[in-house]
Amino acid sequence: MKIYNRFTGKLIREIEKNQEGKYNLDGANLVGANLTGANLVEADLTGAKLVRANLSEANLAGADLVRANLAWANLAWANLAWANLAWANLVGANLVGAKLADACLAGTIMPNGERHS
């Protein structure tokens, strides 16, 4: 998968799946990345920097987003079912239509700046 900066169109990074067929983006710097409609089911995005990234309509079901920085990210209509968003930063994020069924939100900073309990 090739990931581009959504503002400049420049290639940020190219990634491949691991032996289990999952993407490993642990700690990746994906600020401003265009991941519209990306299939990131069960991907490891622990601690990833996704500030202002476009993840609209992305499939992040079961993804590990612990401590990920998703401030001001576009997550409209994204599938975050069963995703682990513990201690993630969602300040200013667009969650319109996002599916959060069974997602772990413990300690997550929500779009309004309040921490989820």
N, C-alpha and C. Protein backbone atom coordinates (compact mmCIF):
# COMPACT_ATOMS: atom_id res chain seq x y z
N MET A 1 0.84 -1.16 0.00
CA MET A 1 0.00 0.00 0.00
C MET A 1 0.90 1.23 0.00
N LYS A 2 0.58 2.18 -0.85
CA LYS A 2 1.31 3.45 -0.89
C LYS A 2 0.47 4.50 -0.17
N ILE A 3 1.10 5.27 0.69
CA ILE A 3 0.41 6.28 1.46
C ILE A 3 0.95 7.65 1.06
N TYR A 4 0.04 8.53 0.66
CA TYR A 4 0.41 9.84 0.17
C TYR A 4 -0.02 10.93 1.13
N ASN A 5 0.70 12.06 1.11
CA ASN A 5 0.30 13.23 1.87
C ASN A 5 -0.91 13.83 1.18
N ARG A 6 -2.00 14.01 1.90
CA ARG A 6 -3.22 14.48 1.25
C ARG A 6 -3.16 15.94 0.86
N PHE A 7 -2.18 16.68 1.35
CA PHE A 7 -2.06 18.09 1.00
C PHE A 7 -1.11 18.31 -0.18
N THR A 8 -0.02 17.57 -0.21
CA THR A 8 0.98 17.78 -1.26
C THR A 8 0.95 16.71 -2.33
N GLY A 9 0.33 15.57 -2.03
CA GLY A 9 0.30 14.46 -2.98
C GLY A 9 1.59 13.66 -3.01
N LYS A 10 2.57 14.02 -2.19
CA LYS A 10 3.85 13.31 -2.16
C LYS A 10 3.73 12.00 -1.39
N LEU A 11 4.47 11.00 -1.84
CA LEU A 11 4.49 9.70 -1.18
C LEU A 11 5.10 9.84 0.22
N ILE A 12 4.35 9.39 1.22
CA ILE A 12 4.86 9.41 2.59
C ILE A 12 5.60 8.11 2.88
N ARG A 13 4.97 7.01 2.48
CA ARG A 13 5.53 5.71 2.85
C ARG A 13 4.83 4.61 2.07
N GLU A 14 5.57 3.56 1.80
CA GLU A 14 4.98 2.37 1.20
C GLU A 14 5.14 1.24 2.22
N ILE A 15 4.05 0.53 2.46
CA ILE A 15 4.10 -0.55 3.45
C ILE A 15 3.59 -1.85 2.85
N GLU A 16 4.04 -2.94 3.44
CA GLU A 16 3.59 -4.26 3.01
C GLU A 16 2.99 -4.98 4.21
N LYS A 17 2.23 -6.00 3.93
CA LYS A 17 1.63 -6.79 5.00
C LYS A 17 2.66 -7.74 5.59
N ASN A 18 2.48 -8.06 6.88
CA ASN A 18 3.37 -9.03 7.53
C ASN A 18 2.91 -10.45 7.18
N GLN A 19 3.52 -11.44 7.80
CA GLN A 19 3.21 -12.83 7.48
C GLN A 19 1.77 -13.21 7.79
N GLU A 20 1.14 -12.50 8.74
CA GLU A 20 -0.26 -12.77 9.06
C GLU A 20 -1.21 -12.01 8.13
N GLY A 21 -0.67 -11.26 7.19
CA GLY A 21 -1.50 -10.51 6.26
C GLY A 21 -2.01 -9.20 6.82
N LYS A 22 -1.34 -8.68 7.86
CA LYS A 22 -1.75 -7.43 8.50
C LYS A 22 -0.67 -6.36 8.32
N TYR A 23 -1.11 -5.10 8.28
CA TYR A 23 -0.16 -3.99 8.17
C TYR A 23 0.41 -3.65 9.54
N ASN A 24 1.72 -3.40 9.61
CA ASN A 24 2.37 -2.96 10.84
C ASN A 24 2.82 -1.53 10.65
N LEU A 25 2.09 -0.60 11.28
CA LEU A 25 2.42 0.82 11.22
C LEU A 25 2.67 1.36 12.62
N ASP A 26 3.17 0.51 13.49
CA ASP A 26 3.47 0.87 14.87
C ASP A 26 4.38 2.09 14.90
N GLY A 27 3.89 3.21 15.49
CA GLY A 27 4.69 4.42 15.63
C GLY A 27 4.92 5.20 14.35
N ALA A 28 4.23 4.86 13.29
CA ALA A 28 4.45 5.52 12.00
C ALA A 28 4.04 6.99 12.02
N ASN A 29 4.77 7.81 11.29
CA ASN A 29 4.43 9.22 11.13
C ASN A 29 3.62 9.35 9.84
N LEU A 30 2.31 9.46 9.99
CA LEU A 30 1.40 9.55 8.85
C LEU A 30 0.61 10.85 8.90
N VAL A 31 1.25 11.90 9.37
CA VAL A 31 0.61 13.21 9.47
C VAL A 31 0.16 13.65 8.08
N GLY A 32 -1.12 13.98 7.96
CA GLY A 32 -1.67 14.44 6.70
C GLY A 32 -1.82 13.37 5.63
N ALA A 33 -1.73 12.11 6.02
CA ALA A 33 -1.80 11.02 5.04
C ALA A 33 -3.20 10.87 4.46
N ASN A 34 -3.27 10.45 3.21
CA ASN A 34 -4.54 10.17 2.56
C ASN A 34 -4.76 8.66 2.58
N LEU A 35 -5.61 8.21 3.48
CA LEU A 35 -5.92 6.80 3.64
C LEU A 35 -7.42 6.56 3.41
N THR A 36 -8.01 7.37 2.56
CA THR A 36 -9.43 7.26 2.25
C THR A 36 -9.75 5.85 1.75
N GLY A 37 -10.69 5.21 2.42
CA GLY A 37 -11.14 3.88 2.01
C GLY A 37 -10.13 2.77 2.19
N ALA A 38 -9.04 3.03 2.91
CA ALA A 38 -8.00 2.01 3.10
C ALA A 38 -8.53 0.82 3.90
N ASN A 39 -8.05 -0.37 3.57
CA ASN A 39 -8.41 -1.58 4.31
C ASN A 39 -7.30 -1.86 5.31
N LEU A 40 -7.52 -1.45 6.55
CA LEU A 40 -6.52 -1.61 7.61
C LEU A 40 -7.08 -2.47 8.74
N VAL A 41 -7.82 -3.50 8.39
CA VAL A 41 -8.41 -4.42 9.37
C VAL A 41 -7.30 -5.03 10.22
N GLU A 42 -7.44 -4.90 11.53
CA GLU A 42 -6.50 -5.45 12.52
C GLU A 42 -5.07 -4.93 12.35
N ALA A 43 -4.89 -3.80 11.70
CA ALA A 43 -3.55 -3.21 11.54
C ALA A 43 -3.02 -2.74 12.89
N ASP A 44 -1.70 -2.77 13.05
CA ASP A 44 -1.05 -2.25 14.26
C ASP A 44 -0.65 -0.81 14.00
N LEU A 45 -1.41 0.11 14.59
CA LEU A 45 -1.15 1.55 14.47
C LEU A 45 -0.84 2.14 15.85
N THR A 46 -0.30 1.31 16.74
CA THR A 46 0.02 1.75 18.08
C THR A 46 0.94 2.96 18.03
N GLY A 47 0.52 4.04 18.67
CA GLY A 47 1.35 5.24 18.75
C GLY A 47 1.56 5.96 17.43
N ALA A 48 0.80 5.62 16.42
CA ALA A 48 0.97 6.27 15.11
C ALA A 48 0.53 7.73 15.17
N LYS A 49 1.18 8.56 14.39
CA LYS A 49 0.84 9.98 14.30
C LYS A 49 0.00 10.16 13.04
N LEU A 50 -1.31 10.34 13.24
CA LEU A 50 -2.26 10.46 12.15
C LEU A 50 -2.97 11.81 12.19
N VAL A 51 -2.27 12.82 12.68
CA VAL A 51 -2.83 14.16 12.77
C VAL A 51 -3.24 14.64 11.37
N ARG A 52 -4.48 15.12 11.27
CA ARG A 52 -5.05 15.64 10.02
C ARG A 52 -5.03 14.62 8.87
N ALA A 53 -4.94 13.34 9.20
CA ALA A 53 -5.00 12.29 8.18
C ALA A 53 -6.44 12.13 7.70
N ASN A 54 -6.61 11.72 6.46
CA ASN A 54 -7.94 11.45 5.92
C ASN A 54 -8.16 9.94 5.92
N LEU A 55 -8.95 9.49 6.86
CA LEU A 55 -9.29 8.07 7.01
C LEU A 55 -10.77 7.85 6.74
N SER A 56 -11.38 8.74 5.97
CA SER A 56 -12.81 8.60 5.70
C SER A 56 -13.06 7.28 4.95
N GLU A 57 -14.10 6.59 5.39
CA GLU A 57 -14.52 5.31 4.83
C GLU A 57 -13.46 4.21 4.94
N ALA A 58 -12.42 4.41 5.75
CA ALA A 58 -11.40 3.37 5.96
C ALA A 58 -11.97 2.26 6.84
N ASN A 59 -11.49 1.05 6.62
CA ASN A 59 -11.90 -0.08 7.45
C ASN A 59 -10.79 -0.36 8.45
N LEU A 60 -11.01 0.07 9.68
CA LEU A 60 -10.06 -0.10 10.78
C LEU A 60 -10.60 -1.07 11.82
N ALA A 61 -11.48 -1.97 11.41
CA ALA A 61 -12.08 -2.93 12.34
C ALA A 61 -10.99 -3.74 13.03
N GLY A 62 -11.03 -3.76 14.35
CA GLY A 62 -10.06 -4.54 15.12
C GLY A 62 -8.65 -3.97 15.12
N ALA A 63 -8.45 -2.77 14.59
CA ALA A 63 -7.11 -2.18 14.54
C ALA A 63 -6.66 -1.77 15.94
N ASP A 64 -5.35 -1.78 16.14
CA ASP A 64 -4.75 -1.37 17.41
C ASP A 64 -4.28 0.07 17.25
N LEU A 65 -5.02 1.01 17.86
CA LEU A 65 -4.71 2.44 17.79
C LEU A 65 -4.39 3.01 19.16
N VAL A 66 -3.85 2.17 20.05
CA VAL A 66 -3.50 2.61 21.40
C VAL A 66 -2.50 3.77 21.32
N ARG A 67 -2.84 4.86 22.01
CA ARG A 67 -2.00 6.06 22.07
C ARG A 67 -1.72 6.69 20.70
N ALA A 68 -2.54 6.38 19.72
CA ALA A 68 -2.39 7.02 18.41
C ALA A 68 -2.87 8.47 18.49
N ASN A 69 -2.24 9.34 17.73
CA ASN A 69 -2.65 10.74 17.69
C ASN A 69 -3.46 10.97 16.42
N LEU A 70 -4.78 11.05 16.59
CA LEU A 70 -5.72 11.24 15.50
C LEU A 70 -6.35 12.63 15.56
N ALA A 71 -5.65 13.60 16.15
CA ALA A 71 -6.20 14.95 16.27
C ALA A 71 -6.51 15.50 14.89
N TRP A 72 -7.71 16.03 14.77
CA TRP A 72 -8.20 16.67 13.54
C TRP A 72 -8.23 15.71 12.34
N ALA A 73 -8.20 14.41 12.58
CA ALA A 73 -8.29 13.43 11.49
C ALA A 73 -9.73 13.33 11.00
N ASN A 74 -9.89 12.97 9.75
CA ASN A 74 -11.21 12.76 9.17
C ASN A 74 -11.51 11.26 9.22
N LEU A 75 -12.39 10.87 10.12
CA LEU A 75 -12.79 9.48 10.29
C LEU A 75 -14.26 9.29 9.90
N ALA A 76 -14.77 10.18 9.06
CA ALA A 76 -16.17 10.10 8.65
C ALA A 76 -16.44 8.76 7.96
N TRP A 77 -17.46 8.07 8.45
CA TRP A 77 -17.92 6.79 7.89
C TRP A 77 -16.86 5.68 7.98
N ALA A 78 -15.83 5.86 8.81
CA ALA A 78 -14.81 4.82 9.01
C ALA A 78 -15.38 3.71 9.89
N ASN A 79 -14.92 2.50 9.68
CA ASN A 79 -15.32 1.36 10.50
C ASN A 79 -14.25 1.15 11.57
N LEU A 80 -14.61 1.50 12.80
CA LEU A 80 -13.71 1.34 13.95
C LEU A 80 -14.25 0.30 14.92
N ALA A 81 -15.13 -0.56 14.44
CA ALA A 81 -15.70 -1.60 15.30
C ALA A 81 -14.58 -2.50 15.83
N TRP A 82 -14.61 -2.78 17.11
CA TRP A 82 -13.63 -3.63 17.81
C TRP A 82 -12.21 -3.04 17.81
N ALA A 83 -12.04 -1.81 17.37
CA ALA A 83 -10.71 -1.18 17.40
C ALA A 83 -10.34 -0.82 18.83
N ASN A 84 -9.05 -0.84 19.13
CA ASN A 84 -8.56 -0.44 20.44
C ASN A 84 -8.02 0.98 20.33
N LEU A 85 -8.81 1.94 20.82
CA LEU A 85 -8.45 3.35 20.80
C LEU A 85 -8.06 3.86 22.19
N ALA A 86 -7.66 2.95 23.08
CA ALA A 86 -7.31 3.34 24.44
C ALA A 86 -6.21 4.40 24.42
N TRP A 87 -6.46 5.49 25.14
CA TRP A 87 -5.52 6.59 25.32
C TRP A 87 -5.16 7.29 24.01
N ALA A 88 -5.99 7.12 22.99
CA ALA A 88 -5.77 7.82 21.71
C ALA A 88 -6.24 9.27 21.84
N ASN A 89 -5.73 10.13 20.96
CA ASN A 89 -6.11 11.54 20.92
C ASN A 89 -7.01 11.76 19.71
N LEU A 90 -8.29 12.07 19.96
CA LEU A 90 -9.25 12.32 18.89
C LEU A 90 -9.73 13.77 18.89
N VAL A 91 -8.97 14.67 19.50
CA VAL A 91 -9.38 16.08 19.57
C VAL A 91 -9.64 16.62 18.18
N GLY A 92 -10.83 17.18 17.98
CA GLY A 92 -11.19 17.78 16.71
C GLY A 92 -11.46 16.81 15.58
N ALA A 93 -11.39 15.51 15.85
CA ALA A 93 -11.59 14.50 14.80
C ALA A 93 -13.04 14.50 14.32
N ASN A 94 -13.22 14.22 13.04
CA ASN A 94 -14.55 14.10 12.44
C ASN A 94 -14.98 12.64 12.53
N LEU A 95 -15.98 12.36 13.37
CA LEU A 95 -16.48 11.00 13.56
C LEU A 95 -17.89 10.82 13.00
N VAL A 96 -18.31 11.70 12.10
CA VAL A 96 -19.65 11.60 11.53
C VAL A 96 -19.82 10.25 10.84
N GLY A 97 -20.79 9.48 11.27
CA GLY A 97 -21.09 8.20 10.66
C GLY A 97 -20.10 7.09 10.97
N ALA A 98 -19.09 7.37 11.79
CA ALA A 98 -18.09 6.34 12.14
C ALA A 98 -18.74 5.24 12.97
N LYS A 99 -18.35 4.00 12.70
CA LYS A 99 -18.85 2.85 13.44
C LYS A 99 -17.89 2.56 14.58
N LEU A 100 -18.38 2.68 15.81
CA LEU A 100 -17.55 2.47 16.99
C LEU A 100 -18.04 1.32 17.86
N ALA A 101 -18.85 0.43 17.30
CA ALA A 101 -19.40 -0.69 18.06
C ALA A 101 -18.28 -1.53 18.66
N ASP A 102 -18.35 -1.74 19.97
CA ASP A 102 -17.40 -2.57 20.71
C ASP A 102 -15.96 -2.06 20.65
N ALA A 103 -15.76 -0.79 20.28
CA ALA A 103 -14.41 -0.21 20.30
C ALA A 103 -14.02 0.11 21.74
N CYS A 104 -12.75 -0.05 22.05
CA CYS A 104 -12.23 0.30 23.37
C CYS A 104 -11.85 1.77 23.35
N LEU A 105 -12.51 2.56 24.20
CA LEU A 105 -12.26 4.01 24.25
C LEU A 105 -11.71 4.44 25.61
N ALA A 106 -11.20 3.51 26.40
CA ALA A 106 -10.71 3.83 27.74
C ALA A 106 -9.60 4.88 27.69
N GLY A 107 -9.82 5.99 28.35
CA GLY A 107 -8.82 7.04 28.43
C GLY A 107 -8.66 7.87 27.17
N THR A 108 -9.48 7.61 26.16
CA THR A 108 -9.37 8.33 24.89
C THR A 108 -9.80 9.78 25.07
N ILE A 109 -9.05 10.70 24.47
CA ILE A 109 -9.45 12.11 24.46
C ILE A 109 -10.38 12.27 23.26
N MET A 110 -11.64 12.59 23.55
CA MET A 110 -12.68 12.66 22.54
C MET A 110 -12.60 13.98 21.75
N PRO A 111 -13.33 14.09 20.62
CA PRO A 111 -13.27 15.29 19.78
C PRO A 111 -13.51 16.60 20.53
N ASN A 112 -14.34 16.57 21.56
CA ASN A 112 -14.61 17.79 22.33
C ASN A 112 -13.54 18.08 23.38
N GLY A 113 -12.50 17.26 23.45
CA GLY A 113 -11.41 17.48 24.40
C GLY A 113 -11.58 16.78 25.73
N GLU A 114 -12.73 16.15 25.97
CA GLU A 114 -12.94 15.44 27.22
C GLU A 114 -12.39 14.02 27.13
N ARG A 115 -11.86 13.55 28.25
CA ARG A 115 -11.32 12.19 28.30
C ARG A 115 -12.45 11.20 28.59
N HIS A 116 -12.52 10.14 27.77
CA HIS A 116 -13.52 9.09 27.96
C HIS A 116 -13.12 8.26 29.17
N SER A 117 -14.10 7.89 29.97
CA SER A 117 -13.78 7.10 31.17
C SER A 117 -13.83 5.62 30.90
